[in-house]
Amino acid sequence: MRALVATMLAFLLTGCFTSSPQKTQFKAEYPARQDIRQKNEYRFTTKPTKPADARYWGSDDLAELFYVADSQATTLTLHFNFPAKSLKVSSLDPDNKIRRQTTFMLLDESAEKPSDTDLRYMYLTKDGRLLRKTRSCKPDMSVGCQWWIHTIFITRNGDMAVNYEQGGAGMAFLVIPLYSSSEYLQIFNKAQISNVTSHQADR
């Protein structure tokens, strides 16, 4: 309780708040990550090893993060075509039937956001991570920006790690500086790759 009160007082006095429940785990996994470009195909479970500490896009369902969520899906397959800069993602049920499927364009980390709002894309970094990032800035009495970033990487054990960061910074009433940031890490176990038996739905 004292820690909570201290945090609230610090935010009120300085306008700053940060939270990172899995910071220790992230520090252990991130430096030992693998380059996602080492393989063209991956398969992971759709449910994380532990439930999320907060609700956010894709928090407890990897298929949701990749826009292929389905109530019967238990695994997710990622098929990369690096020369074509594309990623095909499929959610599969226990019988290896495809439930949902979609394709992402892979952009360089420094590339501009596509003008086509219907285009699905992710950023592929030079060190082999995937990024999904959104930013919003509004000029009003509380001038500031908000951001939402998913950093996706392969762990040393070959599992998929998703580090989610949400934050904001600005000036309340053009006077008081404000900053907040929260990060959450989830691990999705690798699954055995086997033949897909049929195709049910596309997106």
Protein backbone atom coordinates (compact mmCIF):
# COMPACT_ATOMS: atom_id res chain seq x y z
CA MET A 1 0.00 0.00 0.00
CA ARG A 2 2.84 2.38 0.86
CA ALA A 3 4.45 1.70 -2.51
CA LEU A 4 1.20 2.53 -4.30
CA VAL A 5 0.79 5.77 -2.35
CA ALA A 6 4.40 6.71 -3.07
CA THR A 7 3.90 6.06 -6.79
CA MET A 8 0.76 8.20 -6.89
CA LEU A 9 2.47 11.03 -5.03
CA ALA A 10 5.45 10.86 -7.38
CA PHE A 11 3.15 11.11 -10.39
CA LEU A 12 1.23 14.05 -8.93
CA LEU A 13 4.42 15.91 -8.03
CA THR A 14 6.52 15.16 -11.10
CA GLY A 15 3.99 14.10 -13.72
CA CYS A 16 5.95 10.91 -14.34
CA PHE A 17 4.87 7.27 -14.06
CA THR A 18 6.53 4.07 -15.30
CA SER A 19 5.59 0.42 -14.84
CA SER A 20 7.34 -2.74 -16.05
CA PRO A 21 6.19 -5.89 -14.18
CA GLN A 22 8.33 -8.27 -16.26
CA LYS A 23 11.44 -6.10 -16.41
CA THR A 24 13.71 -8.79 -14.95
CA GLN A 25 12.48 -11.42 -17.40
CA PHE A 26 12.82 -9.01 -20.32
CA LYS A 27 16.43 -8.23 -19.38
CA ALA A 28 17.17 -11.96 -19.36
CA GLU A 29 15.48 -12.77 -22.68
CA TYR A 30 16.10 -9.74 -24.87
CA PRO A 31 19.92 -9.76 -25.04
CA ALA A 32 19.88 -13.50 -25.88
CA ARG A 33 17.25 -13.21 -28.62
CA GLN A 34 17.59 -14.90 -32.01
CA ASP A 35 17.34 -13.26 -35.42
CA ILE A 36 13.85 -14.06 -36.73
CA ARG A 37 15.32 -14.27 -40.26
CA GLN A 38 17.12 -17.51 -39.40
CA LYS A 39 14.02 -19.46 -40.46
CA ASN A 40 11.23 -18.96 -42.97
CA GLU A 41 8.52 -20.71 -40.97
CA TYR A 42 7.52 -20.74 -37.31
CA ARG A 43 4.64 -22.11 -35.29
CA PHE A 44 3.60 -21.04 -31.81
CA THR A 45 0.76 -21.61 -29.37
CA THR A 46 -1.88 -18.88 -29.36
CA LYS A 47 -2.01 -18.74 -25.56
CA PRO A 48 0.89 -17.37 -23.47
CA THR A 49 2.75 -19.28 -20.79
CA LYS A 50 1.21 -16.95 -18.18
CA PRO A 51 -1.89 -14.71 -18.29
CA ALA A 52 -1.28 -11.03 -18.94
CA ASP A 53 -1.10 -8.51 -16.11
CA ALA A 54 -3.19 -6.09 -18.18
CA ARG A 55 -5.62 -6.22 -21.09
CA TYR A 56 -4.28 -4.94 -24.40
CA TRP A 57 -4.34 -5.94 -28.08
CA GLY A 58 -3.06 -9.50 -28.32
CA SER A 59 -2.35 -9.80 -24.61
CA ASP A 60 -3.70 -13.32 -24.13
CA ASP A 61 -4.12 -14.36 -27.75
CA LEU A 62 -1.24 -14.29 -30.23
CA ALA A 63 -3.71 -14.78 -33.08
CA GLU A 64 -5.44 -11.54 -32.12
CA LEU A 65 -2.17 -9.63 -32.40
CA PHE A 66 -1.81 -10.87 -35.99
CA TYR A 67 -5.50 -10.32 -36.88
CA VAL A 68 -6.31 -14.02 -37.29
CA ALA A 69 -8.18 -14.66 -34.04
CA ASP A 70 -10.59 -17.59 -33.96
CA SER A 71 -12.23 -19.36 -31.03
CA GLN A 72 -11.02 -22.77 -32.28
CA ALA A 73 -7.44 -21.74 -33.04
CA THR A 74 -4.73 -23.23 -30.83
CA THR A 75 -1.58 -22.53 -32.86
CA LEU A 76 -0.28 -19.86 -35.17
CA THR A 77 1.96 -20.31 -38.21
CA LEU A 78 4.19 -17.56 -39.58
CA HIS A 79 5.58 -18.02 -43.09
CA PHE A 80 8.13 -15.42 -44.16
CA ASN A 81 9.05 -14.56 -47.73
CA PHE A 82 11.99 -12.29 -47.06
CA PRO A 83 12.87 -11.57 -50.72
CA ALA A 84 9.27 -10.45 -51.32
CA LYS A 85 9.14 -8.68 -47.94
CA SER A 86 5.94 -10.39 -46.89
CA LEU A 87 4.65 -12.45 -43.97
CA LYS A 88 1.69 -14.84 -44.21
CA VAL A 89 0.07 -15.67 -40.88
CA SER A 90 -2.40 -18.51 -40.32
CA SER A 91 -4.28 -19.58 -37.21
CA LEU A 92 -4.95 -23.32 -36.98
CA ASP A 93 -7.19 -25.57 -34.93
CA PRO A 94 -6.05 -28.83 -33.25
CA ASP A 95 -6.65 -30.70 -36.53
CA ASN A 96 -4.26 -28.36 -38.39
CA LYS A 97 -7.10 -26.77 -40.32
CA ILE A 98 -6.61 -23.10 -41.13
CA ARG A 99 -9.20 -20.95 -39.38
CA ARG A 100 -8.02 -17.48 -40.40
CA GLN A 101 -5.25 -16.22 -42.64
CA THR A 102 -3.79 -12.84 -43.55
CA THR A 103 -0.67 -11.32 -45.09
CA PHE A 104 1.54 -8.50 -43.84
CA MET A 105 3.98 -6.35 -45.76
CA LEU A 106 7.40 -6.22 -44.10
CA LEU A 107 8.81 -2.70 -44.01
CA ASP A 108 12.30 -1.51 -43.18
CA GLU A 109 12.50 0.00 -39.71
CA SER A 110 13.10 3.49 -41.14
CA ALA A 111 10.32 3.29 -43.76
CA GLU A 112 7.39 5.69 -43.75
CA LYS A 113 3.96 4.48 -42.73
CA PRO A 114 2.00 3.33 -45.83
CA SER A 115 -0.69 5.71 -47.06
CA ASP A 116 -3.07 2.80 -47.69
CA THR A 117 -4.96 2.44 -44.40
CA ASP A 118 -6.22 -1.03 -45.37
CA LEU A 119 -2.71 -2.41 -45.79
CA ARG A 120 -1.44 -4.63 -42.99
CA TYR A 121 2.23 -4.22 -42.27
CA MET A 122 4.95 -4.69 -39.69
CA TYR A 123 8.46 -3.35 -39.44
CA LEU A 124 11.39 -5.77 -39.72
CA THR A 125 14.47 -4.42 -37.97
CA LYS A 126 18.08 -4.88 -39.06
CA ASP A 127 18.71 -7.22 -36.11
CA GLY A 128 15.74 -9.47 -36.88
CA ARG A 129 12.83 -8.25 -34.75
CA LEU A 130 9.27 -7.41 -35.74
CA LEU A 131 7.71 -4.12 -34.67
CA ARG A 132 4.10 -3.03 -34.66
CA LYS A 133 3.84 0.60 -33.64
CA THR A 134 1.14 3.25 -33.50
CA ARG A 135 1.44 6.91 -32.55
CA SER A 136 -1.14 9.62 -31.99
CA CYS A 137 -0.55 13.32 -31.25
CA LYS A 138 -3.25 15.87 -30.47
CA PRO A 139 -2.76 19.65 -30.14
CA ASP A 140 -5.23 20.68 -27.45
CA MET A 141 -5.10 21.99 -23.88
CA SER A 142 -3.16 18.85 -22.94
CA VAL A 143 -0.76 18.87 -25.88
CA GLY A 144 0.99 15.54 -26.17
CA CYS A 145 1.46 12.21 -27.87
CA GLN A 146 0.59 8.61 -27.12
CA TRP A 147 2.27 5.51 -28.48
CA TRP A 148 1.68 1.77 -28.56
CA ILE A 149 4.53 -0.55 -29.55
CA HIS A 150 4.71 -4.35 -29.87
CA THR A 151 8.27 -5.65 -30.09
CA ILE A 152 8.28 -9.27 -31.28
CA PHE A 153 11.36 -11.46 -31.10
CA ILE A 154 12.46 -15.08 -30.88
CA THR A 155 13.86 -16.16 -27.53
CA ARG A 156 16.99 -18.25 -27.00
CA ASN A 157 14.69 -21.29 -26.64
CA GLY A 158 12.90 -20.62 -29.92
CA ASP A 159 9.69 -19.30 -28.37
CA MET A 160 8.03 -16.05 -29.38
CA ALA A 161 8.27 -13.10 -27.02
CA VAL A 162 6.00 -10.08 -27.33
CA ASN A 163 6.96 -6.98 -25.38
CA TYR A 164 4.16 -4.42 -25.33
CA GLU A 165 4.79 -0.78 -24.45
CA GLN A 166 2.21 1.93 -24.10
CA GLY A 167 3.03 5.45 -23.08
CA GLY A 168 2.37 9.13 -23.41
CA ALA A 169 4.10 12.46 -22.99
CA GLY A 170 2.93 16.04 -23.13
CA MET A 171 2.11 19.27 -21.34
CA ALA A 172 -1.09 19.49 -19.31
CA PHE A 173 -2.67 22.93 -19.82
CA LEU A 174 0.56 23.82 -21.65
CA VAL A 175 2.30 24.08 -18.26
CA ILE A 176 2.66 20.75 -16.42
CA PRO A 177 4.96 18.16 -18.07
CA LEU A 178 3.48 14.66 -18.08
CA TYR A 179 5.00 11.28 -18.92
CA SER A 180 3.78 7.72 -18.45
CA SER A 181 5.02 4.37 -19.70
CA SER A 182 4.01 0.75 -19.07
CA GLU A 183 5.58 -2.42 -20.46
CA TYR A 184 4.42 -6.03 -20.42
CA LEU A 185 6.19 -9.15 -21.66
CA GLN A 186 4.56 -12.41 -22.71
CA ILE A 187 6.04 -15.66 -24.00
CA PHE A 188 4.29 -17.97 -26.48
CA ASN A 189 5.75 -21.47 -26.71
CA LYS A 190 6.96 -22.88 -30.00
CA ALA A 191 4.82 -25.67 -31.46
CA GLN A 192 5.65 -28.54 -33.77
CA ILE A 193 5.33 -27.73 -37.46
CA SER A 194 3.22 -30.28 -39.33
CA ASN A 195 1.26 -30.39 -42.57
CA VAL A 196 -1.82 -28.22 -42.88
CA THR A 197 -4.76 -30.39 -43.89
CA SER A 198 -7.23 -27.88 -45.27
CA HIS A 199 -8.06 -24.24 -45.72
CA GLN A 200 -11.13 -22.77 -44.06
CA ALA A 201 -11.12 -18.97 -44.00
CA ASP A 202 -9.19 -16.01 -45.36
CA ARG A 203 -9.01 -12.42 -44.27
